[in-house]
Amino acid sequence: MMRLLRPEAALLAGLILGGCTARGLADFEQTLASSDSATIALSRWCEARTIAQPPVIRALADRQASMAASPAVREALGLGPDDTAAYRHVSLVCGNRVLSVAHNWYVPSRLTTEMNHRLATTDAPFGKVVAPLGFRRQRLASLRGAMAECPQGTVLSHRAVLRLADGRAISLVVECYTRANLAPAPRVSGD
């Protein structure tokens, strides 16, 4: 007789069969929790797991992607009826591994002109671009597995608001972390 697994048990079974462990996922969660910036946390993780050398995180932006800010997103960002939200969809990679797929709604009027230009024209990660603002992360939700906005293969999802010191929100982000974070480190071939 076939037994159905709860979502958490199914995820754990999938991780174990894929060579990953619950301990690895817990370590990854701890690394993410250690920083207000997902970019910094992923860089630390990439370095510790020797995923790529150098452990540089790049944000491959999908310039064609578009997703209007829902009323819930607008509310989380503290936007009035005349305020604008921009959208950025990226894959955060280290070496050739996609570590995260992110949906980011942000408030251009709360960023500098230079920051908005970099976000619109480069593959720089959002967290790195806005780091001079000294933002803090407010985690709204965390799920082992995929939130509605996340693709298949997501092992961990976060929804968070990034806030300035005065409490104003600059971004709402949905981060979808992939199995690549828990895969064994790539082998380095010797000469």
C-alpha atoms as a PDB file:
ATOM      1  CA  MET A   1       0.000   0.000   0.000  1.00  0.00           C
ATOM      2  CA  MET A   2       1.342   3.421  -0.980  1.00  0.00           C
ATOM      3  CA  ARG A   3       1.576   5.989   1.834  1.00  0.00           C
ATOM      4  CA  LEU A   4       1.391   9.721   1.115  1.00  0.00           C
ATOM      5  CA  LEU A   5       3.917  11.929   2.864  1.00  0.00           C
ATOM      6  CA  ARG A   6       3.234  15.300   4.475  1.00  0.00           C
ATOM      7  CA  PRO A   7       4.904  18.139   2.490  1.00  0.00           C
ATOM      8  CA  GLU A   8       7.721  18.460   5.066  1.00  0.00           C
ATOM      9  CA  ALA A   9       8.391  14.710   5.018  1.00  0.00           C
ATOM     10  CA  ALA A  10       8.300  14.639   1.230  1.00  0.00           C
ATOM     11  CA  LEU A  11      10.800  17.503   1.091  1.00  0.00           C
ATOM     12  CA  LEU A  12      13.115  15.755   3.561  1.00  0.00           C
ATOM     13  CA  ALA A  13      12.860  12.488   1.604  1.00  0.00           C
ATOM     14  CA  GLY A  14      13.696  14.355  -1.604  1.00  0.00           C
ATOM     15  CA  LEU A  15      16.703  16.030   0.005  1.00  0.00           C
ATOM     16  CA  ILE A  16      18.046  12.748   1.343  1.00  0.00           C
ATOM     17  CA  LEU A  17      17.560  10.960  -1.978  1.00  0.00           C
ATOM     18  CA  GLY A  18      19.268  13.885  -3.701  1.00  0.00           C
ATOM     19  CA  GLY A  19      22.331  13.543  -1.452  1.00  0.00           C
ATOM     20  CA  CYS A  20      21.299  16.381   0.866  1.00  0.00           C
ATOM     21  CA  THR A  21      20.675  16.189   4.580  1.00  0.00           C
ATOM     22  CA  ALA A  22      18.335  17.909   6.990  1.00  0.00           C
ATOM     23  CA  ARG A  23      21.484  19.103   8.797  1.00  0.00           C
ATOM     24  CA  GLY A  24      22.680  20.745   5.566  1.00  0.00           C
ATOM     25  CA  LEU A  25      19.356  22.541   5.209  1.00  0.00           C
ATOM     26  CA  ALA A  26      19.485  23.669   8.848  1.00  0.00           C
ATOM     27  CA  ASP A  27      23.046  24.981   8.327  1.00  0.00           C
ATOM     28  CA  PHE A  28      21.884  26.828   5.213  1.00  0.00           C
ATOM     29  CA  GLU A  29      18.954  28.386   7.107  1.00  0.00           C
ATOM     30  CA  GLN A  30      21.338  29.502   9.852  1.00  0.00           C
ATOM     31  CA  THR A  31      23.645  31.134   7.299  1.00  0.00           C
ATOM     32  CA  LEU A  32      20.721  32.999   5.731  1.00  0.00           C
ATOM     33  CA  ALA A  33      19.541  34.182   9.153  1.00  0.00           C
ATOM     34  CA  SER A  34      23.006  35.575   9.930  1.00  0.00           C
ATOM     35  CA  SER A  35      22.628  38.599   7.646  1.00  0.00           C
ATOM     36  CA  ASP A  36      20.019  41.167   6.617  1.00  0.00           C
ATOM     37  CA  SER A  37      21.363  40.759   3.069  1.00  0.00           C
ATOM     38  CA  ALA A  38      20.664  37.533   1.170  1.00  0.00           C
ATOM     39  CA  THR A  39      23.546  38.464  -1.139  1.00  0.00           C
ATOM     40  CA  ILE A  40      26.033  38.530   1.754  1.00  0.00           C
ATOM     41  CA  ALA A  41      24.645  35.315   3.238  1.00  0.00           C
ATOM     42  CA  LEU A  42      24.810  33.506  -0.122  1.00  0.00           C
ATOM     43  CA  SER A  43      28.368  34.736  -0.639  1.00  0.00           C
ATOM     44  CA  ARG A  44      29.358  33.277   2.749  1.00  0.00           C
ATOM     45  CA  TRP A  45      27.572  30.019   1.914  1.00  0.00           C
ATOM     46  CA  CYS A  46      29.214  29.841  -1.516  1.00  0.00           C
ATOM     47  CA  GLU A  47      32.633  30.328   0.062  1.00  0.00           C
ATOM     48  CA  ALA A  48      32.089  27.865   2.940  1.00  0.00           C
ATOM     49  CA  ARG A  49      30.812  25.173   0.541  1.00  0.00           C
ATOM     50  CA  THR A  50      33.513  25.996  -2.062  1.00  0.00           C
ATOM     51  CA  ILE A  51      30.795  26.258  -4.706  1.00  0.00           C
ATOM     52  CA  ALA A  52      32.910  28.639  -6.771  1.00  0.00           C
ATOM     53  CA  GLN A  53      36.167  30.541  -6.491  1.00  0.00           C
ATOM     54  CA  PRO A  54      35.946  33.420  -6.086  1.00  0.00           C
ATOM     55  CA  PRO A  55      32.623  33.185  -4.184  1.00  0.00           C
ATOM     56  CA  VAL A  56      30.969  36.074  -6.040  1.00  0.00           C
ATOM     57  CA  ILE A  57      27.189  36.322  -6.233  1.00  0.00           C
ATOM     58  CA  ARG A  58      25.813  37.668  -9.510  1.00  0.00           C
ATOM     59  CA  ALA A  59      22.175  38.595 -10.137  1.00  0.00           C
ATOM     60  CA  LEU A  60      21.129  37.535 -13.619  1.00  0.00           C
ATOM     61  CA  ALA A  61      18.224  39.897 -14.226  1.00  0.00           C
ATOM     62  CA  ASP A  62      15.314  38.934 -16.456  1.00  0.00           C
ATOM     63  CA  ARG A  63      14.645  42.329 -18.051  1.00  0.00           C
ATOM     64  CA  GLN A  64      11.496  41.026 -19.784  1.00  0.00           C
ATOM     65  CA  ALA A  65       9.831  39.909 -16.541  1.00  0.00           C
ATOM     66  CA  SER A  66       6.963  41.994 -15.266  1.00  0.00           C
ATOM     67  CA  MET A  67       4.698  41.487 -12.278  1.00  0.00           C
ATOM     68  CA  ALA A  68       2.438  44.209 -10.923  1.00  0.00           C
ATOM     69  CA  ALA A  69       2.513  44.830  -7.199  1.00  0.00           C
ATOM     70  CA  SER A  70      -0.595  43.266  -5.684  1.00  0.00           C
ATOM     71  CA  PRO A  71      -2.582  45.181  -3.049  1.00  0.00           C
ATOM     72  CA  ALA A  72      -0.822  43.047  -0.384  1.00  0.00           C
ATOM     73  CA  VAL A  73       2.622  43.969  -1.777  1.00  0.00           C
ATOM     74  CA  ARG A  74       1.659  47.660  -1.950  1.00  0.00           C
ATOM     75  CA  GLU A  75       0.445  47.531   1.641  1.00  0.00           C
ATOM     76  CA  ALA A  76       3.643  45.817   2.842  1.00  0.00           C
ATOM     77  CA  LEU A  77       5.666  48.541   1.109  1.00  0.00           C
ATOM     78  CA  GLY A  78       3.528  51.294   2.656  1.00  0.00           C
ATOM     79  CA  LEU A  79       2.611  52.731  -0.738  1.00  0.00           C
ATOM     80  CA  GLY A  80      -0.093  55.307  -1.308  1.00  0.00           C
ATOM     81  CA  PRO A  81      -2.342  55.301  -4.403  1.00  0.00           C
ATOM     82  CA  ASP A  82       0.062  57.549  -6.350  1.00  0.00           C
ATOM     83  CA  ASP A  83       3.287  55.768  -5.315  1.00  0.00           C
ATOM     84  CA  THR A  84       5.104  53.544  -7.797  1.00  0.00           C
ATOM     85  CA  ALA A  85       6.562  50.092  -7.233  1.00  0.00           C
ATOM     86  CA  ALA A  86       9.159  48.620  -9.604  1.00  0.00           C
ATOM     87  CA  TYR A  87       9.736  44.905 -10.160  1.00  0.00           C
ATOM     88  CA  ARG A  88      12.959  42.975 -10.666  1.00  0.00           C
ATOM     89  CA  HIS A  89      13.215  39.215 -11.254  1.00  0.00           C
ATOM     90  CA  VAL A  90      16.672  37.676 -10.871  1.00  0.00           C
ATOM     91  CA  SER A  91      18.533  34.416 -10.522  1.00  0.00           C
ATOM     92  CA  LEU A  92      21.341  34.704  -7.988  1.00  0.00           C
ATOM     93  CA  VAL A  93      24.280  32.586  -9.087  1.00  0.00           C
ATOM     94  CA  CYS A  94      27.652  31.616  -7.681  1.00  0.00           C
ATOM     95  CA  GLY A  95      29.931  30.218 -10.340  1.00  0.00           C
ATOM     96  CA  ASN A  96      27.557  28.307 -12.603  1.00  0.00           C
ATOM     97  CA  ARG A  97      25.042  27.329  -9.892  1.00  0.00           C
ATOM     98  CA  VAL A  98      21.701  29.094  -9.498  1.00  0.00           C
ATOM     99  CA  LEU A  99      21.333  29.423  -5.723  1.00  0.00           C
ATOM    100  CA  SER A 100      18.171  31.522  -5.635  1.00  0.00           C
ATOM    101  CA  VAL A 101      15.403  32.848  -7.822  1.00  0.00           C
ATOM    102  CA  ALA A 102      14.012  36.111  -6.464  1.00  0.00           C
ATOM    103  CA  HIS A 103      10.999  38.314  -7.096  1.00  0.00           C
ATOM    104  CA  ASN A 104      11.635  41.840  -5.842  1.00  0.00           C
ATOM    105  CA  TRP A 105       9.165  44.719  -5.720  1.00  0.00           C
ATOM    106  CA  TYR A 106      10.878  47.920  -4.656  1.00  0.00           C
ATOM    107  CA  VAL A 107      10.155  51.628  -4.200  1.00  0.00           C
ATOM    108  CA  PRO A 108      12.297  53.690  -6.619  1.00  0.00           C
ATOM    109  CA  SER A 109      11.476  56.990  -4.863  1.00  0.00           C
ATOM    110  CA  ARG A 110      13.155  55.685  -1.692  1.00  0.00           C
ATOM    111  CA  LEU A 111      16.415  54.878  -3.504  1.00  0.00           C
ATOM    112  CA  THR A 112      19.004  57.190  -5.038  1.00  0.00           C
ATOM    113  CA  THR A 113      19.054  57.963  -8.761  1.00  0.00           C
ATOM    114  CA  GLU A 114      22.326  55.998  -9.079  1.00  0.00           C
ATOM    115  CA  MET A 115      20.824  52.964  -7.324  1.00  0.00           C
ATOM    116  CA  ASN A 116      17.793  52.978  -9.631  1.00  0.00           C
ATOM    117  CA  HIS A 117      20.082  53.229 -12.668  1.00  0.00           C
ATOM    118  CA  ARG A 118      22.223  50.277 -11.500  1.00  0.00           C
ATOM    119  CA  LEU A 119      19.135  48.147 -10.818  1.00  0.00           C
ATOM    120  CA  ALA A 120      17.727  48.923 -14.274  1.00  0.00           C
ATOM    121  CA  THR A 121      20.947  48.420 -16.240  1.00  0.00           C
ATOM    122  CA  THR A 122      23.226  45.948 -14.437  1.00  0.00           C
ATOM    123  CA  ASP A 123      23.213  42.465 -12.949  1.00  0.00           C
ATOM    124  CA  ALA A 124      24.305  43.749  -9.535  1.00  0.00           C
ATOM    125  CA  PRO A 125      22.367  42.119  -6.673  1.00  0.00           C
ATOM    126  CA  PHE A 126      19.732  44.363  -5.066  1.00  0.00           C
ATOM    127  CA  GLY A 127      21.250  43.959  -1.589  1.00  0.00           C
ATOM    128  CA  LYS A 128      24.652  45.079  -2.828  1.00  0.00           C
ATOM    129  CA  VAL A 129      23.227  48.090  -4.674  1.00  0.00           C
ATOM    130  CA  VAL A 130      21.195  49.356  -1.701  1.00  0.00           C
ATOM    131  CA  ALA A 131      23.700  48.382   1.032  1.00  0.00           C
ATOM    132  CA  PRO A 132      24.692  52.056   1.631  1.00  0.00           C
ATOM    133  CA  LEU A 133      21.141  52.650   2.918  1.00  0.00           C
ATOM    134  CA  GLY A 134      21.808  50.370   5.916  1.00  0.00           C
ATOM    135  CA  PHE A 135      18.573  48.414   5.516  1.00  0.00           C
ATOM    136  CA  ARG A 136      17.227  45.802   7.917  1.00  0.00           C
ATOM    137  CA  ARG A 137      15.348  42.641   6.940  1.00  0.00           C
ATOM    138  CA  GLN A 138      11.936  41.862   8.394  1.00  0.00           C
ATOM    139  CA  ARG A 139      11.143  38.244   7.614  1.00  0.00           C
ATOM    140  CA  LEU A 140       7.435  37.787   6.964  1.00  0.00           C
ATOM    141  CA  ALA A 141       7.438  34.075   6.144  1.00  0.00           C
ATOM    142  CA  SER A 142       9.787  31.122   5.803  1.00  0.00           C
ATOM    143  CA  LEU A 143       8.870  27.761   4.343  1.00  0.00           C
ATOM    144  CA  ARG A 144      10.836  24.581   3.746  1.00  0.00           C
ATOM    145  CA  GLY A 145       9.702  24.045   0.185  1.00  0.00           C
ATOM    146  CA  ALA A 146       8.174  26.370  -2.392  1.00  0.00           C
ATOM    147  CA  MET A 147       5.888  29.345  -1.879  1.00  0.00           C
ATOM    148  CA  ALA A 148       3.388  30.039  -4.664  1.00  0.00           C
ATOM    149  CA  GLU A 149       5.815  32.310  -6.564  1.00  0.00           C
ATOM    150  CA  CYS A 150       8.660  29.766  -6.510  1.00  0.00           C
ATOM    151  CA  PRO A 151       9.704  27.248  -9.175  1.00  0.00           C
ATOM    152  CA  GLN A 152       9.974  23.485  -8.763  1.00  0.00           C
ATOM    153  CA  GLY A 153      13.159  22.415  -7.016  1.00  0.00           C
ATOM    154  CA  THR A 154      12.851  25.111  -4.347  1.00  0.00           C
ATOM    155  CA  VAL A 155      14.025  23.739  -0.992  1.00  0.00           C
ATOM    156  CA  LEU A 156      13.473  26.885   1.061  1.00  0.00           C
ATOM    157  CA  SER A 157      11.395  30.048   0.523  1.00  0.00           C
ATOM    158  CA  HIS A 158      11.491  33.413   2.274  1.00  0.00           C
ATOM    159  CA  ARG A 159       9.226  36.446   2.044  1.00  0.00           C
ATOM    160  CA  ALA A 160      10.726  39.578   3.591  1.00  0.00           C
ATOM    161  CA  VAL A 161      10.512  43.347   3.657  1.00  0.00           C
ATOM    162  CA  LEU A 162      13.700  45.413   3.626  1.00  0.00           C
ATOM    163  CA  ARG A 163      13.353  48.551   5.747  1.00  0.00           C
ATOM    164  CA  LEU A 164      15.304  51.761   6.219  1.00  0.00           C
ATOM    165  CA  ALA A 165      16.330  52.881   9.722  1.00  0.00           C
ATOM    166  CA  ASP A 166      13.225  55.120   9.855  1.00  0.00           C
ATOM    167  CA  GLY A 167      10.992  52.073   9.241  1.00  0.00           C
ATOM    168  CA  ARG A 168      10.019  52.835   5.642  1.00  0.00           C
ATOM    169  CA  ALA A 169      10.021  49.796   3.375  1.00  0.00           C
ATOM    170  CA  ILE A 170      12.225  49.845   0.294  1.00  0.00           C
ATOM    171  CA  SER A 171      11.564  46.320  -0.961  1.00  0.00           C
ATOM    172  CA  LEU A 172       9.407  43.245  -0.631  1.00  0.00           C
ATOM    173  CA  VAL A 173      11.220  40.149  -1.814  1.00  0.00           C
ATOM    174  CA  VAL A 174      10.256  36.515  -2.334  1.00  0.00           C
ATOM    175  CA  GLU A 175      13.392  34.340  -2.365  1.00  0.00           C
ATOM    176  CA  CYS A 176      13.266  30.795  -3.713  1.00  0.00           C
ATOM    177  CA  TYR A 177      16.404  28.855  -2.721  1.00  0.00           C
ATOM    178  CA  THR A 178      17.342  25.911  -4.947  1.00  0.00           C
ATOM    179  CA  ARG A 179      18.713  22.419  -4.299  1.00  0.00           C
ATOM    180  CA  ALA A 180      22.038  23.648  -5.700  1.00  0.00           C
ATOM    181  CA  ASN A 181      22.743  25.143  -2.251  1.00  0.00           C
ATOM    182  CA  LEU A 182      22.782  21.666  -0.739  1.00  0.00           C
ATOM    183  CA  ALA A 183      24.544  19.758  -3.504  1.00  0.00           C
ATOM    184  CA  PRO A 184      28.054  18.456  -2.859  1.00  0.00           C
ATOM    185  CA  ALA A 185      30.830  20.891  -3.646  1.00  0.00           C
ATOM    186  CA  PRO A 186      32.163  20.601  -7.182  1.00  0.00           C
ATOM    187  CA  ARG A 187      35.313  18.536  -7.581  1.00  0.00           C
ATOM    188  CA  VAL A 188      38.436  20.402  -8.470  1.00  0.00           C
ATOM    189  CA  SER A 189      40.532  18.613 -11.046  1.00  0.00           C
ATOM    190  CA  GLY A 190      44.247  18.436 -10.340  1.00  0.00           C
ATOM    191  CA  ASP A 191      46.992  19.061 -12.869  1.00  0.00           C
END
